Amino acid sequence: MFRTLAKTIALAAALAAPAVALAGPTVDAIKQRGALRCGVNTGLLGFSAPDSAGRWNGIDADFCRAVATAILGDPTKVQYVPTNAQTRFTALQSGEIDLLSRNTTWTSSRDSTLGSVFAGTLF
């Protein structure tokens, strides 16, 4: 039993190490800036849309707040940056945004050509 647990912990640590190493410069920039710049779709109800008070709602906006909380300890430290299908990847690659949280399919060609790390499918 102890061996199985030790192997499981070692495997989890080995799998997590590359993700931590890749995130370093981006996380450092977010901490220095004091805000997460999150690329979102505009007006996609249930995913990302501002309400009448300007507060963003939906699962994509919630994901941005969760990441801001994890990095900065404050869910309000998010700058929502509207993106569309034509600008989303250039905004991410240029550093205009730190994170893209919007309706975007995860494909092997995007993995290889964009140099981005997909976190997985949320919905």
N, C-alpha and C. Protein backbone atom coordinates (compact mmCIF):
# COMPACT_ATOMS: atom_id res chain seq x y z
N MET A 1 0.82 -1.19 0.00
CA MET A 1 0.00 0.00 0.00
C MET A 1 0.87 1.26 0.00
N PHE A 2 1.91 1.28 0.85
CA PHE A 2 2.78 2.45 0.92
C PHE A 2 3.48 2.68 -0.41
N ARG A 3 3.92 1.61 -1.07
CA ARG A 3 4.59 1.75 -2.37
C ARG A 3 3.67 2.36 -3.41
N THR A 4 2.44 1.92 -3.43
CA THR A 4 1.48 2.46 -4.39
C THR A 4 1.26 3.95 -4.15
N LEU A 5 1.11 4.32 -2.90
CA LEU A 5 0.93 5.73 -2.57
C LEU A 5 2.15 6.55 -2.95
N ALA A 6 3.33 6.04 -2.66
CA ALA A 6 4.57 6.75 -3.00
C ALA A 6 4.72 6.91 -4.50
N LYS A 7 4.38 5.87 -5.26
CA LYS A 7 4.46 5.94 -6.73
C LYS A 7 3.46 6.96 -7.27
N THR A 8 2.28 6.98 -6.70
CA THR A 8 1.25 7.92 -7.15
C THR A 8 1.70 9.36 -6.89
N ILE A 9 2.25 9.62 -5.73
CA ILE A 9 2.73 10.97 -5.40
C ILE A 9 3.88 11.36 -6.31
N ALA A 10 4.80 10.45 -6.56
CA ALA A 10 5.93 10.74 -7.44
C ALA A 10 5.46 11.02 -8.86
N LEU A 11 4.49 10.26 -9.35
CA LEU A 11 3.96 10.48 -10.69
C LEU A 11 3.26 11.84 -10.77
N ALA A 12 2.48 12.17 -9.77
CA ALA A 12 1.79 13.47 -9.77
C ALA A 12 2.79 14.62 -9.77
N ALA A 13 3.85 14.50 -8.99
CA ALA A 13 4.87 15.55 -8.96
C ALA A 13 5.59 15.67 -10.29
N ALA A 14 5.88 14.55 -10.92
CA ALA A 14 6.55 14.57 -12.22
C ALA A 14 5.68 15.20 -13.30
N LEU A 15 4.39 14.91 -13.26
CA LEU A 15 3.48 15.48 -14.25
C LEU A 15 3.24 16.97 -14.01
N ALA A 16 3.27 17.40 -12.78
CA ALA A 16 3.02 18.81 -12.46
C ALA A 16 4.23 19.69 -12.72
N ALA A 17 5.42 19.17 -12.64
CA ALA A 17 6.64 19.97 -12.78
C ALA A 17 6.73 20.73 -14.10
N PRO A 18 6.45 20.12 -15.27
CA PRO A 18 6.54 20.89 -16.51
C PRO A 18 5.55 22.04 -16.57
N ALA A 19 4.36 21.85 -16.04
CA ALA A 19 3.36 22.93 -16.06
C ALA A 19 3.82 24.11 -15.22
N VAL A 20 4.42 23.85 -14.09
CA VAL A 20 4.92 24.92 -13.23
C VAL A 20 6.05 25.66 -13.92
N ALA A 21 6.94 24.94 -14.58
CA ALA A 21 8.07 25.56 -15.26
C ALA A 21 7.60 26.44 -16.42
N LEU A 22 6.60 26.00 -17.16
CA LEU A 22 6.10 26.77 -18.29
C LEU A 22 5.40 28.06 -17.85
N ALA A 23 4.76 28.02 -16.71
CA ALA A 23 3.97 29.16 -16.28
C ALA A 23 4.79 30.27 -15.66
N GLY A 24 6.02 30.04 -15.30
CA GLY A 24 6.85 30.99 -14.58
C GLY A 24 6.83 32.42 -15.06
N PRO A 25 7.27 32.72 -16.29
CA PRO A 25 7.33 34.12 -16.73
C PRO A 25 5.96 34.80 -16.78
N THR A 26 4.93 34.07 -17.17
CA THR A 26 3.59 34.65 -17.24
C THR A 26 3.09 34.98 -15.84
N VAL A 27 3.26 34.05 -14.93
CA VAL A 27 2.82 34.27 -13.55
C VAL A 27 3.60 35.43 -12.93
N ASP A 28 4.89 35.49 -13.19
CA ASP A 28 5.70 36.59 -12.67
C ASP A 28 5.19 37.94 -13.19
N ALA A 29 4.85 38.01 -14.47
CA ALA A 29 4.34 39.26 -15.06
C ALA A 29 3.00 39.65 -14.45
N ILE A 30 2.14 38.66 -14.21
CA ILE A 30 0.83 38.93 -13.60
C ILE A 30 1.03 39.49 -12.19
N LYS A 31 1.92 38.88 -11.42
CA LYS A 31 2.18 39.35 -10.05
C LYS A 31 2.76 40.76 -10.05
N GLN A 32 3.67 41.03 -10.97
CA GLN A 32 4.28 42.36 -11.03
C GLN A 32 3.25 43.42 -11.41
N ARG A 33 2.37 43.09 -12.35
CA ARG A 33 1.33 44.01 -12.81
C ARG A 33 0.23 44.17 -11.77
N GLY A 34 -0.02 43.11 -11.00
CA GLY A 34 -1.09 43.14 -10.01
C GLY A 34 -2.46 42.85 -10.56
N ALA A 35 -2.51 42.32 -11.78
CA ALA A 35 -3.80 41.98 -12.39
C ALA A 35 -3.59 40.92 -13.47
N LEU A 36 -4.60 40.09 -13.64
CA LEU A 36 -4.63 39.09 -14.70
C LEU A 36 -5.38 39.68 -15.89
N ARG A 37 -4.75 39.70 -17.05
CA ARG A 37 -5.43 40.16 -18.27
C ARG A 37 -6.01 38.93 -18.95
N CYS A 38 -7.33 38.87 -18.97
CA CYS A 38 -8.03 37.68 -19.42
C CYS A 38 -8.82 37.97 -20.69
N GLY A 39 -8.50 37.26 -21.77
CA GLY A 39 -9.21 37.42 -23.03
C GLY A 39 -10.51 36.63 -23.01
N VAL A 40 -11.61 37.32 -23.26
CA VAL A 40 -12.93 36.69 -23.22
C VAL A 40 -13.74 37.07 -24.46
N ASN A 41 -14.76 36.28 -24.70
CA ASN A 41 -15.73 36.59 -25.74
C ASN A 41 -16.66 37.66 -25.19
N THR A 42 -17.26 38.42 -26.05
CA THR A 42 -18.18 39.45 -25.58
C THR A 42 -19.62 39.03 -25.85
N GLY A 43 -20.43 39.10 -24.84
CA GLY A 43 -21.85 38.89 -25.02
C GLY A 43 -22.28 37.46 -25.25
N LEU A 44 -21.54 36.49 -24.78
CA LEU A 44 -21.94 35.09 -24.92
C LEU A 44 -22.53 34.67 -23.57
N LEU A 45 -23.84 34.84 -23.43
CA LEU A 45 -24.51 34.60 -22.15
C LEU A 45 -24.19 33.22 -21.60
N GLY A 46 -23.92 33.19 -20.32
CA GLY A 46 -23.56 31.95 -19.65
C GLY A 46 -22.07 31.67 -19.68
N PHE A 47 -21.35 32.34 -20.58
CA PHE A 47 -19.91 32.14 -20.69
C PHE A 47 -19.15 33.41 -20.29
N SER A 48 -19.41 34.50 -20.98
CA SER A 48 -18.77 35.76 -20.63
C SER A 48 -19.57 36.92 -21.22
N ALA A 49 -20.16 37.67 -20.34
CA ALA A 49 -20.93 38.84 -20.75
C ALA A 49 -21.00 39.81 -19.57
N PRO A 50 -20.80 41.10 -19.84
CA PRO A 50 -20.94 42.06 -18.75
C PRO A 50 -22.41 42.36 -18.47
N ASP A 51 -22.73 42.56 -17.20
CA ASP A 51 -24.10 42.95 -16.85
C ASP A 51 -24.24 44.46 -16.95
N SER A 52 -25.38 44.99 -16.54
CA SER A 52 -25.62 46.44 -16.67
C SER A 52 -24.67 47.28 -15.82
N ALA A 53 -24.09 46.66 -14.79
CA ALA A 53 -23.13 47.37 -13.94
C ALA A 53 -21.69 47.20 -14.41
N GLY A 54 -21.50 46.45 -15.50
CA GLY A 54 -20.16 46.24 -16.03
C GLY A 54 -19.43 45.05 -15.44
N ARG A 55 -20.08 44.30 -14.56
CA ARG A 55 -19.46 43.10 -13.96
C ARG A 55 -19.63 41.92 -14.92
N TRP A 56 -18.51 41.26 -15.19
CA TRP A 56 -18.53 40.12 -16.11
C TRP A 56 -19.08 38.89 -15.40
N ASN A 57 -19.94 38.15 -16.09
CA ASN A 57 -20.57 36.94 -15.56
C ASN A 57 -20.41 35.80 -16.54
N GLY A 58 -20.53 34.58 -16.03
CA GLY A 58 -20.46 33.38 -16.86
C GLY A 58 -19.26 32.52 -16.49
N ILE A 59 -19.22 31.31 -17.02
CA ILE A 59 -18.19 30.34 -16.64
C ILE A 59 -16.79 30.81 -17.03
N ASP A 60 -16.65 31.46 -18.19
CA ASP A 60 -15.32 31.95 -18.59
C ASP A 60 -14.85 33.07 -17.66
N ALA A 61 -15.75 33.97 -17.31
CA ALA A 61 -15.41 35.05 -16.38
C ALA A 61 -15.10 34.48 -14.99
N ASP A 62 -15.85 33.47 -14.57
CA ASP A 62 -15.58 32.82 -13.28
C ASP A 62 -14.21 32.15 -13.28
N PHE A 63 -13.84 31.53 -14.40
CA PHE A 63 -12.53 30.90 -14.50
C PHE A 63 -11.42 31.94 -14.36
N CYS A 64 -11.60 33.09 -14.99
CA CYS A 64 -10.62 34.17 -14.86
C CYS A 64 -10.48 34.61 -13.41
N ARG A 65 -11.61 34.76 -12.72
CA ARG A 65 -11.58 35.15 -11.31
C ARG A 65 -10.88 34.08 -10.45
N ALA A 66 -11.10 32.81 -10.78
CA ALA A 66 -10.45 31.73 -10.03
C ALA A 66 -8.94 31.77 -10.21
N VAL A 67 -8.49 32.02 -11.44
CA VAL A 67 -7.04 32.11 -11.69
C VAL A 67 -6.45 33.33 -10.98
N ALA A 68 -7.16 34.45 -11.03
CA ALA A 68 -6.68 35.65 -10.33
C ALA A 68 -6.58 35.40 -8.82
N THR A 69 -7.53 34.67 -8.29
CA THR A 69 -7.49 34.33 -6.87
C THR A 69 -6.30 33.44 -6.56
N ALA A 70 -6.05 32.46 -7.42
CA ALA A 70 -4.93 31.54 -7.20
C ALA A 70 -3.59 32.25 -7.27
N ILE A 71 -3.45 33.21 -8.17
CA ILE A 71 -2.17 33.88 -8.36
C ILE A 71 -2.01 35.09 -7.45
N LEU A 72 -3.07 35.89 -7.35
CA LEU A 72 -2.98 37.18 -6.65
C LEU A 72 -3.74 37.22 -5.32
N GLY A 73 -4.53 36.18 -5.05
CA GLY A 73 -5.30 36.16 -3.81
C GLY A 73 -6.52 37.05 -3.82
N ASP A 74 -6.94 37.52 -5.00
CA ASP A 74 -8.05 38.47 -5.08
C ASP A 74 -8.81 38.26 -6.39
N PRO A 75 -10.08 37.83 -6.31
CA PRO A 75 -10.84 37.58 -7.54
C PRO A 75 -11.20 38.83 -8.33
N THR A 76 -11.01 40.00 -7.74
CA THR A 76 -11.34 41.23 -8.46
C THR A 76 -10.18 41.76 -9.29
N LYS A 77 -9.04 41.12 -9.21
CA LYS A 77 -7.85 41.59 -9.93
C LYS A 77 -7.79 41.02 -11.35
N VAL A 78 -8.89 41.17 -12.08
CA VAL A 78 -8.98 40.70 -13.47
C VAL A 78 -9.28 41.88 -14.37
N GLN A 79 -8.53 41.99 -15.46
CA GLN A 79 -8.84 42.95 -16.51
C GLN A 79 -9.38 42.13 -17.68
N TYR A 80 -10.67 42.25 -17.96
CA TYR A 80 -11.28 41.50 -19.05
C TYR A 80 -10.99 42.21 -20.36
N VAL A 81 -10.44 41.46 -21.31
CA VAL A 81 -10.09 42.02 -22.61
C VAL A 81 -10.96 41.32 -23.66
N PRO A 82 -11.90 42.04 -24.27
CA PRO A 82 -12.73 41.43 -25.30
C PRO A 82 -11.89 40.97 -26.49
N THR A 83 -12.11 39.75 -26.94
CA THR A 83 -11.43 39.22 -28.11
C THR A 83 -12.48 38.60 -29.03
N ASN A 84 -12.09 38.42 -30.28
CA ASN A 84 -12.97 37.71 -31.22
C ASN A 84 -12.16 36.60 -31.88
N ALA A 85 -12.79 35.87 -32.77
CA ALA A 85 -12.14 34.72 -33.40
C ALA A 85 -10.88 35.12 -34.17
N GLN A 86 -10.83 36.35 -34.68
CA GLN A 86 -9.68 36.80 -35.45
C GLN A 86 -8.53 37.31 -34.57
N THR A 87 -8.84 37.83 -33.40
CA THR A 87 -7.81 38.47 -32.57
C THR A 87 -7.35 37.66 -31.37
N ARG A 88 -8.06 36.60 -31.02
CA ARG A 88 -7.78 35.89 -29.76
C ARG A 88 -6.37 35.34 -29.67
N PHE A 89 -5.88 34.71 -30.74
CA PHE A 89 -4.56 34.09 -30.66
C PHE A 89 -3.43 35.11 -30.76
N THR A 90 -3.60 36.14 -31.57
CA THR A 90 -2.56 37.18 -31.64
C THR A 90 -2.48 37.94 -30.32
N ALA A 91 -3.62 38.16 -29.67
CA ALA A 91 -3.61 38.82 -28.36
C ALA A 91 -2.84 37.99 -27.34
N LEU A 92 -3.01 36.68 -27.39
CA LEU A 92 -2.31 35.79 -26.46
C LEU A 92 -0.82 35.74 -26.78
N GLN A 93 -0.48 35.59 -28.05
CA GLN A 93 0.92 35.48 -28.45
C GLN A 93 1.69 36.78 -28.24
N SER A 94 1.03 37.91 -28.40
CA SER A 94 1.71 39.21 -28.25
C SER A 94 1.86 39.63 -26.80
N GLY A 95 1.17 38.95 -25.89
CA GLY A 95 1.23 39.33 -24.48
C GLY A 95 0.18 40.35 -24.09
N GLU A 96 -0.72 40.70 -25.02
CA GLU A 96 -1.81 41.62 -24.69
C GLU A 96 -2.69 41.01 -23.60
N ILE A 97 -2.85 39.69 -23.64
CA ILE A 97 -3.58 38.97 -22.60
C ILE A 97 -2.69 37.87 -22.03
N ASP A 98 -2.96 37.50 -20.79
CA ASP A 98 -2.20 36.43 -20.13
C ASP A 98 -2.88 35.08 -20.31
N LEU A 99 -4.19 35.11 -20.45
CA LEU A 99 -5.00 33.90 -20.47
C LEU A 99 -6.15 34.10 -21.44
N LEU A 100 -6.45 33.08 -22.21
CA LEU A 100 -7.59 33.12 -23.12
C LEU A 100 -8.65 32.19 -22.55
N SER A 101 -9.77 32.75 -22.15
CA SER A 101 -10.86 31.97 -21.57
C SER A 101 -12.13 32.28 -22.36
N ARG A 102 -12.28 31.59 -23.47
CA ARG A 102 -13.44 31.80 -24.34
C ARG A 102 -13.63 30.58 -25.21
N ASN A 103 -14.69 30.58 -25.99
CA ASN A 103 -15.01 29.42 -26.81
C ASN A 103 -13.93 29.22 -27.88
N THR A 104 -13.05 28.28 -27.59
CA THR A 104 -11.92 27.97 -28.47
C THR A 104 -11.70 26.46 -28.43
N THR A 105 -11.73 25.84 -29.58
CA THR A 105 -11.52 24.39 -29.61
C THR A 105 -10.05 24.06 -29.46
N TRP A 106 -9.80 22.97 -28.80
CA TRP A 106 -8.45 22.47 -28.56
C TRP A 106 -8.13 21.45 -29.64
N THR A 107 -7.17 21.77 -30.50
CA THR A 107 -6.80 20.85 -31.59
C THR A 107 -5.29 20.61 -31.56
N SER A 108 -4.88 19.51 -32.16
CA SER A 108 -3.45 19.20 -32.19
C SER A 108 -2.69 20.22 -33.03
N SER A 109 -3.31 20.74 -34.09
CA SER A 109 -2.62 21.74 -34.91
C SER A 109 -2.42 23.04 -34.13
N ARG A 110 -3.37 23.41 -33.30
CA ARG A 110 -3.20 24.62 -32.48
C ARG A 110 -2.12 24.40 -31.42
N ASP A 111 -2.05 23.21 -30.88
CA ASP A 111 -0.98 22.90 -29.93
C ASP A 111 0.39 23.09 -30.57
N SER A 112 0.53 22.60 -31.80
CA SER A 112 1.85 22.62 -32.44
C SER A 112 2.19 23.95 -33.11
N THR A 113 1.22 24.65 -33.66
CA THR A 113 1.53 25.88 -34.41
C THR A 113 1.48 27.15 -33.56
N LEU A 114 0.69 27.16 -32.51
CA LEU A 114 0.54 28.38 -31.72
C LEU A 114 1.52 28.47 -30.55
N GLY A 115 2.05 27.34 -30.13
CA GLY A 115 2.95 27.35 -28.99
C GLY A 115 2.25 27.67 -27.68
N SER A 116 0.96 27.44 -27.62
CA SER A 116 0.19 27.69 -26.41
C SER A 116 -0.01 26.40 -25.64
N VAL A 117 -0.35 26.54 -24.38
CA VAL A 117 -0.64 25.39 -23.53
C VAL A 117 -2.13 25.45 -23.20
N PHE A 118 -2.87 24.47 -23.69
CA PHE A 118 -4.30 24.39 -23.40
C PHE A 118 -4.49 23.74 -22.04
N ALA A 119 -5.34 24.32 -21.22
CA ALA A 119 -5.58 23.80 -19.87
C ALA A 119 -6.56 22.65 -19.87
N GLY A 120 -7.30 22.47 -20.92
CA GLY A 120 -8.32 21.43 -20.99
C GLY A 120 -9.67 22.05 -21.25
N THR A 121 -10.62 21.23 -21.52
CA THR A 121 -11.96 21.68 -21.86
C THR A 121 -12.77 21.94 -20.60
N LEU A 122 -13.35 23.12 -20.50
CA LEU A 122 -14.19 23.45 -19.35
C LEU A 122 -15.64 23.08 -19.57
N PHE A 123 -16.10 23.14 -20.82
CA PHE A 123 -17.51 22.91 -21.09
C PHE A 123 -17.66 22.13 -22.35
